[in-house]
Amino acid sequence: MCGRYSLTASAEQIVEHFQLLRPLKFHPSYNIAPGQKTLNIVELDDGSRKAVNLFWGLVPSWAKDKKIVRT
């Protein structure tokens, strides 16, 4: 996987758009690559939304160890 993307919205724009309850500590990024932590918005069981950092990438089904994955 070699695709990259950018996230250029400001923290204030993200909070407003997704109606988050807490402010974000976030800086826009113009070159997000596989293997990096990325900002994600998840919806909780009660319908509220929360910002979390998750690793973006792919671990093949045949991989016995996640450490083989490279960026």
PDB file of N, CA and C in Angstrom:
ATOM      1  N   MET A   1       0.850  -1.165   0.000  1.00  0.00           N
ATOM      2  CA  MET A   1       0.000   0.000   0.000  1.00  0.00           C
ATOM      3  C   MET A   1       0.899   1.231   0.000  1.00  0.00           C
ATOM      4  N   CYS A   2       0.702   2.095  -0.961  1.00  0.00           N
ATOM      5  CA  CYS A   2       1.553   3.278  -1.031  1.00  0.00           C
ATOM      6  C   CYS A   2       0.757   4.569  -1.114  1.00  0.00           C
ATOM      7  N   GLY A   3      -0.568   4.483  -1.015  1.00  0.00           N
ATOM      8  CA  GLY A   3      -1.384   5.688  -1.118  1.00  0.00           C
ATOM      9  C   GLY A   3      -1.175   6.618   0.059  1.00  0.00           C
ATOM     10  N   ARG A   4      -1.218   7.890  -0.222  1.00  0.00           N
ATOM     11  CA  ARG A   4      -1.098   8.915   0.811  1.00  0.00           C
ATOM     12  C   ARG A   4      -2.249   9.881   0.663  1.00  0.00           C
ATOM     13  N   TYR A   5      -2.550  10.583   1.719  1.00  0.00           N
ATOM     14  CA  TYR A   5      -3.599  11.585   1.655  1.00  0.00           C
ATOM     15  C   TYR A   5      -3.255  12.733   2.570  1.00  0.00           C
ATOM     16  N   SER A   6      -4.034  13.796   2.495  1.00  0.00           N
ATOM     17  CA  SER A   6      -3.799  14.957   3.352  1.00  0.00           C
ATOM     18  C   SER A   6      -5.064  15.275   4.135  1.00  0.00           C
ATOM     19  N   LEU A   7      -4.872  15.888   5.276  1.00  0.00           N
ATOM     20  CA  LEU A   7      -5.965  16.359   6.113  1.00  0.00           C
ATOM     21  C   LEU A   7      -5.634  17.801   6.462  1.00  0.00           C
ATOM     22  N   THR A   8      -6.297  18.713   5.773  1.00  0.00           N
ATOM     23  CA  THR A   8      -5.917  20.122   5.878  1.00  0.00           C
ATOM     24  C   THR A   8      -6.891  20.974   6.683  1.00  0.00           C
ATOM     25  N   ALA A   9      -7.967  20.393   7.177  1.00  0.00           N
ATOM     26  CA  ALA A   9      -8.919  21.151   7.995  1.00  0.00           C
ATOM     27  C   ALA A   9      -8.271  21.529   9.327  1.00  0.00           C
ATOM     28  N   SER A  10      -8.698  22.630   9.877  1.00  0.00           N
ATOM     29  CA  SER A  10      -8.184  23.040  11.186  1.00  0.00           C
ATOM     30  C   SER A  10      -8.898  22.251  12.285  1.00  0.00           C
ATOM     31  N   ALA A  11      -8.328  22.264  13.467  1.00  0.00           N
ATOM     32  CA  ALA A  11      -8.953  21.582  14.603  1.00  0.00           C
ATOM     33  C   ALA A  11     -10.340  22.145  14.873  1.00  0.00           C
ATOM     34  N   GLU A  12     -10.492  23.445  14.768  1.00  0.00           N
ATOM     35  CA  GLU A  12     -11.788  24.081  15.003  1.00  0.00           C
ATOM     36  C   GLU A  12     -12.830  23.632  13.974  1.00  0.00           C
ATOM     37  N   GLN A  13     -12.417  23.515  12.719  1.00  0.00           N
ATOM     38  CA  GLN A  13     -13.334  23.052  11.672  1.00  0.00           C
ATOM     39  C   GLN A  13     -13.793  21.615  11.925  1.00  0.00           C
ATOM     40  N   ILE A  14     -12.883  20.763  12.358  1.00  0.00           N
ATOM     41  CA  ILE A  14     -13.218  19.364  12.621  1.00  0.00           C
ATOM     42  C   ILE A  14     -14.177  19.255  13.799  1.00  0.00           C
ATOM     43  N   VAL A  15     -13.900  20.004  14.861  1.00  0.00           N
ATOM     44  CA  VAL A  15     -14.784  19.993  16.036  1.00  0.00           C
ATOM     45  C   VAL A  15     -16.185  20.447  15.646  1.00  0.00           C
ATOM     46  N   GLU A  16     -16.273  21.511  14.859  1.00  0.00           N
ATOM     47  CA  GLU A  16     -17.584  22.036  14.461  1.00  0.00           C
ATOM     48  C   GLU A  16     -18.314  21.063  13.530  1.00  0.00           C
ATOM     49  N   HIS A  17     -17.618  20.544  12.537  1.00  0.00           N
ATOM     50  CA  HIS A  17     -18.256  19.674  11.548  1.00  0.00           C
ATOM     51  C   HIS A  17     -18.802  18.388  12.174  1.00  0.00           C
ATOM     52  N   PHE A  18     -18.016  17.772  13.040  1.00  0.00           N
ATOM     53  CA  PHE A  18     -18.423  16.494  13.643  1.00  0.00           C
ATOM     54  C   PHE A  18     -19.119  16.668  14.991  1.00  0.00           C
ATOM     55  N   GLN A  19     -19.312  17.910  15.412  1.00  0.00           N
ATOM     56  CA  GLN A  19     -19.992  18.221  16.670  1.00  0.00           C
ATOM     57  C   GLN A  19     -19.353  17.480  17.850  1.00  0.00           C
ATOM     58  N   LEU A  20     -18.028  17.614  17.955  1.00  0.00           N
ATOM     59  CA  LEU A  20     -17.290  16.976  19.044  1.00  0.00           C
ATOM     60  C   LEU A  20     -17.465  17.782  20.321  1.00  0.00           C
ATOM     61  N   LEU A  21     -17.431  17.112  21.445  1.00  0.00           N
ATOM     62  CA  LEU A  21     -17.634  17.777  22.732  1.00  0.00           C
ATOM     63  C   LEU A  21     -16.354  18.356  23.308  1.00  0.00           C
ATOM     64  N   ARG A  22     -15.215  17.828  22.884  1.00  0.00           N
ATOM     65  CA  ARG A  22     -13.924  18.291  23.416  1.00  0.00           C
ATOM     66  C   ARG A  22     -13.088  18.939  22.316  1.00  0.00           C
ATOM     67  N   PRO A  23     -12.301  19.940  22.667  1.00  0.00           N
ATOM     68  CA  PRO A  23     -11.399  20.537  21.673  1.00  0.00           C
ATOM     69  C   PRO A  23     -10.290  19.545  21.295  1.00  0.00           C
ATOM     70  N   LEU A  24      -9.710  19.745  20.128  1.00  0.00           N
ATOM     71  CA  LEU A  24      -8.656  18.856  19.637  1.00  0.00           C
ATOM     72  C   LEU A  24      -7.288  19.512  19.732  1.00  0.00           C
ATOM     73  N   LYS A  25      -6.289  18.695  19.973  1.00  0.00           N
ATOM     74  CA  LYS A  25      -4.899  19.114  19.787  1.00  0.00           C
ATOM     75  C   LYS A  25      -4.463  18.420  18.506  1.00  0.00           C
ATOM     76  N   PHE A  26      -4.507  19.151  17.416  1.00  0.00           N
ATOM     77  CA  PHE A  26      -4.311  18.560  16.107  1.00  0.00           C
ATOM     78  C   PHE A  26      -3.700  19.583  15.172  1.00  0.00           C
ATOM     79  N   HIS A  27      -2.793  19.135  14.331  1.00  0.00           N
ATOM     80  CA  HIS A  27      -2.193  19.993  13.309  1.00  0.00           C
ATOM     81  C   HIS A  27      -2.460  19.371  11.945  1.00  0.00           C
ATOM     82  N   PRO A  28      -2.862  20.171  10.966  1.00  0.00           N
ATOM     83  CA  PRO A  28      -3.073  19.632   9.623  1.00  0.00           C
ATOM     84  C   PRO A  28      -1.819  18.943   9.101  1.00  0.00           C
ATOM     85  N   SER A  29      -2.008  17.940   8.260  1.00  0.00           N
ATOM     86  CA  SER A  29      -0.892  17.217   7.663  1.00  0.00           C
ATOM     87  C   SER A  29      -1.136  17.090   6.169  1.00  0.00           C
ATOM     88  N   TYR A  30      -0.104  17.331   5.393  1.00  0.00           N
ATOM     89  CA  TYR A  30      -0.228  17.314   3.942  1.00  0.00           C
ATOM     90  C   TYR A  30       0.344  16.045   3.329  1.00  0.00           C
ATOM     91  N   ASN A  31       0.829  15.111   4.150  1.00  0.00           N
ATOM     92  CA  ASN A  31       1.452  13.903   3.615  1.00  0.00           C
ATOM     93  C   ASN A  31       1.276  12.756   4.607  1.00  0.00           C
ATOM     94  N   ILE A  32       0.081  12.235   4.732  1.00  0.00           N
ATOM     95  CA  ILE A  32      -0.191  11.136   5.659  1.00  0.00           C
ATOM     96  C   ILE A  32       0.069   9.828   4.924  1.00  0.00           C
ATOM     97  N   ALA A  33       0.987   9.041   5.453  1.00  0.00           N
ATOM     98  CA  ALA A  33       1.398   7.795   4.802  1.00  0.00           C
ATOM     99  C   ALA A  33       0.964   6.584   5.630  1.00  0.00           C
ATOM    100  N   PRO A  34       0.850   5.423   4.988  1.00  0.00           N
ATOM    101  CA  PRO A  34       0.540   4.202   5.733  1.00  0.00           C
ATOM    102  C   PRO A  34       1.550   3.989   6.861  1.00  0.00           C
ATOM    103  N   GLY A  35       1.065   3.498   7.984  1.00  0.00           N
ATOM    104  CA  GLY A  35       1.927   3.256   9.134  1.00  0.00           C
ATOM    105  C   GLY A  35       1.956   4.399  10.129  1.00  0.00           C
ATOM    106  N   GLN A  36       1.370   5.528   9.777  1.00  0.00           N
ATOM    107  CA  GLN A  36       1.333   6.671  10.687  1.00  0.00           C
ATOM    108  C   GLN A  36       0.036   6.661  11.485  1.00  0.00           C
ATOM    109  N   LYS A  37       0.080   7.293  12.634  1.00  0.00           N
ATOM    110  CA  LYS A  37      -1.155   7.513  13.381  1.00  0.00           C
ATOM    111  C   LYS A  37      -1.929   8.619  12.688  1.00  0.00           C
ATOM    112  N   THR A  38      -3.243   8.432  12.578  1.00  0.00           N
ATOM    113  CA  THR A  38      -4.073   9.423  11.915  1.00  0.00           C
ATOM    114  C   THR A  38      -5.271   9.763  12.787  1.00  0.00           C
ATOM    115  N   LEU A  39      -5.783  10.956  12.603  1.00  0.00           N
ATOM    116  CA  LEU A  39      -6.965  11.400  13.319  1.00  0.00           C
ATOM    117  C   LEU A  39      -8.190  10.719  12.728  1.00  0.00           C
ATOM    118  N   ASN A  40      -9.006  10.117  13.578  1.00  0.00           N
ATOM    119  CA  ASN A  40     -10.237   9.455  13.156  1.00  0.00           C
ATOM    120  C   ASN A  40     -11.360   9.870  14.081  1.00  0.00           C
ATOM    121  N   ILE A  41     -12.557   9.936  13.544  1.00  0.00           N
ATOM    122  CA  ILE A  41     -13.735  10.247  14.343  1.00  0.00           C
ATOM    123  C   ILE A  41     -14.559   8.978  14.443  1.00  0.00           C
ATOM    124  N   VAL A  42     -14.866   8.550  15.663  1.00  0.00           N
ATOM    125  CA  VAL A  42     -15.673   7.351  15.874  1.00  0.00           C
ATOM    126  C   VAL A  42     -16.974   7.738  16.562  1.00  0.00           C
ATOM    127  N   GLU A  43     -18.031   7.014  16.225  1.00  0.00           N
ATOM    128  CA  GLU A  43     -19.318   7.250  16.857  1.00  0.00           C
ATOM    129  C   GLU A  43     -19.519   6.223  17.954  1.00  0.00           C
ATOM    130  N   LEU A  44     -19.835   6.700  19.139  1.00  0.00           N
ATOM    131  CA  LEU A  44     -20.019   5.836  20.295  1.00  0.00           C
ATOM    132  C   LEU A  44     -21.447   5.295  20.344  1.00  0.00           C
ATOM    133  N   ASP A  45     -21.690   4.326  21.221  1.00  0.00           N
ATOM    134  CA  ASP A  45     -23.008   3.702  21.334  1.00  0.00           C
ATOM    135  C   ASP A  45     -24.119   4.705  21.633  1.00  0.00           C
ATOM    136  N   ASP A  46     -23.787   5.761  22.356  1.00  0.00           N
ATOM    137  CA  ASP A  46     -24.815   6.751  22.704  1.00  0.00           C
ATOM    138  C   ASP A  46     -25.041   7.789  21.598  1.00  0.00           C
ATOM    139  N   GLY A  47     -24.360   7.630  20.463  1.00  0.00           N
ATOM    140  CA  GLY A  47     -24.533   8.536  19.333  1.00  0.00           C
ATOM    141  C   GLY A  47     -23.569   9.703  19.319  1.00  0.00           C
ATOM    142  N   SER A  48     -22.823   9.900  20.401  1.00  0.00           N
ATOM    143  CA  SER A  48     -21.844  10.982  20.424  1.00  0.00           C
ATOM    144  C   SER A  48     -20.621  10.571  19.601  1.00  0.00           C
ATOM    145  N   ARG A  49     -19.804  11.544  19.271  1.00  0.00           N
ATOM    146  CA  ARG A  49     -18.600  11.283  18.473  1.00  0.00           C
ATOM    147  C   ARG A  49     -17.363  11.650  19.262  1.00  0.00           C
ATOM    148  N   LYS A  50     -16.295  10.930  18.979  1.00  0.00           N
ATOM    149  CA  LYS A  50     -15.037  11.130  19.694  1.00  0.00           C
ATOM    150  C   LYS A  50     -13.886  11.071  18.697  1.00  0.00           C
ATOM    151  N   ALA A  51     -12.886  11.913  18.882  1.00  0.00           N
ATOM    152  CA  ALA A  51     -11.690  11.889  18.045  1.00  0.00           C
ATOM    153  C   ALA A  51     -10.673  10.943  18.678  1.00  0.00           C
ATOM    154  N   VAL A  52     -10.110  10.054  17.869  1.00  0.00           N
ATOM    155  CA  VAL A  52      -9.098   9.107  18.340  1.00  0.00           C
ATOM    156  C   VAL A  52      -7.971   9.037  17.309  1.00  0.00           C
ATOM    157  N   ASN A  53      -6.808   8.613  17.749  1.00  0.00           N
ATOM    158  CA  ASN A  53      -5.687   8.376  16.845  1.00  0.00           C
ATOM    159  C   ASN A  53      -5.577   6.883  16.604  1.00  0.00           C
ATOM    160  N   LEU A  54      -5.542   6.502  15.335  1.00  0.00           N
ATOM    161  CA  LEU A  54      -5.409   5.103  14.952  1.00  0.00           C
ATOM    162  C   LEU A  54      -4.289   4.975  13.929  1.00  0.00           C
ATOM    163  N   PHE A  55      -3.652   3.802  13.883  1.00  0.00           N
ATOM    164  CA  PHE A  55      -2.661   3.554  12.841  1.00  0.00           C
ATOM    165  C   PHE A  55      -3.378   3.239  11.547  1.00  0.00           C
ATOM    166  N   TRP A  56      -2.914   3.837  10.458  1.00  0.00           N
ATOM    167  CA  TRP A  56      -3.480   3.569   9.149  1.00  0.00           C
ATOM    168  C   TRP A  56      -2.533   2.640   8.402  1.00  0.00           C
ATOM    169  N   GLY A  57      -3.064   1.535   7.903  1.00  0.00           N
ATOM    170  CA  GLY A  57      -2.247   0.610   7.144  1.00  0.00           C
ATOM    171  C   GLY A  57      -2.942  -0.722   6.981  1.00  0.00           C
ATOM    172  N   LEU A  58      -2.230  -1.673   6.447  1.00  0.00           N
ATOM    173  CA  LEU A  58      -2.775  -2.991   6.149  1.00  0.00           C
ATOM    174  C   LEU A  58      -1.840  -4.056   6.689  1.00  0.00           C
ATOM    175  N   VAL A  59      -2.397  -4.977   7.433  1.00  0.00           N
ATOM    176  CA  VAL A  59      -1.651  -6.161   7.861  1.00  0.00           C
ATOM    177  C   VAL A  59      -2.221  -7.318   7.059  1.00  0.00           C
ATOM    178  N   PRO A  60      -1.434  -7.936   6.186  1.00  0.00           N
ATOM    179  CA  PRO A  60      -1.943  -9.030   5.367  1.00  0.00           C
ATOM    180  C   PRO A  60      -2.461 -10.184   6.224  1.00  0.00           C
ATOM    181  N   SER A  61      -3.461 -10.884   5.719  1.00  0.00           N
ATOM    182  CA  SER A  61      -4.065 -11.986   6.477  1.00  0.00           C
ATOM    183  C   SER A  61      -3.058 -13.094   6.768  1.00  0.00           C
ATOM    184  N   TRP A  62      -2.032 -13.212   5.931  1.00  0.00           N
ATOM    185  CA  TRP A  62      -1.047 -14.275   6.120  1.00  0.00           C
ATOM    186  C   TRP A  62       0.071 -13.879   7.081  1.00  0.00           C
ATOM    187  N   ALA A  63       0.098 -12.636   7.536  1.00  0.00           N
ATOM    188  CA  ALA A  63       1.171 -12.164   8.418  1.00  0.00           C
ATOM    189  C   ALA A  63       1.049 -12.807   9.796  1.00  0.00           C
ATOM    190  N   LYS A  64       2.145 -13.388  10.263  1.00  0.00           N
ATOM    191  CA  LYS A  64       2.159 -13.990  11.597  1.00  0.00           C
ATOM    192  C   LYS A  64       2.562 -12.969  12.652  1.00  0.00           C
ATOM    193  N   ASP A  65       3.210 -11.902  12.220  1.00  0.00           N
ATOM    194  CA  ASP A  65       3.686 -10.874  13.142  1.00  0.00           C
ATOM    195  C   ASP A  65       3.435  -9.505  12.522  1.00  0.00           C
ATOM    196  N   LYS A  66       2.798  -8.622  13.242  1.00  0.00           N
ATOM    197  CA  LYS A  66       2.498  -7.291  12.710  1.00  0.00           C
ATOM    198  C   LYS A  66       3.764  -6.477  12.450  1.00  0.00           C
ATOM    199  N   LYS A  67       4.887  -6.870  13.013  1.00  0.00           N
ATOM    200  CA  LYS A  67       6.129  -6.117  12.856  1.00  0.00           C
ATOM    201  C   LYS A  67       6.665  -6.168  11.428  1.00  0.00           C
ATOM    202  N   ILE A  68       6.163  -7.097  10.590  1.00  0.00           N
ATOM    203  CA  ILE A  68       6.673  -7.184   9.225  1.00  0.00           C
ATOM    204  C   ILE A  68       6.139  -6.052   8.353  1.00  0.00           C
ATOM    205  N   VAL A  69       5.105  -5.381   8.808  1.00  0.00           N
ATOM    206  CA  VAL A  69       4.479  -4.317   8.021  1.00  0.00           C
ATOM    207  C   VAL A  69       5.398  -3.100   8.016  1.00  0.00           C
ATOM    208  N   ARG A  70       5.689  -2.602   6.853  1.00  0.00           N
ATOM    209  CA  ARG A  70       6.539  -1.418   6.700  1.00  0.00           C
ATOM    210  C   ARG A  70       5.713  -0.287   6.145  1.00  0.00           C
ATOM    211  N   THR A  71       6.175   0.934   6.351  1.00  0.00           N
ATOM    212  CA  THR A  71       5.482   2.096   5.787  1.00  0.00           C
ATOM    213  C   THR A  71       5.941   2.335   4.386  1.00  0.00           C
TER     214      THR A  71
END
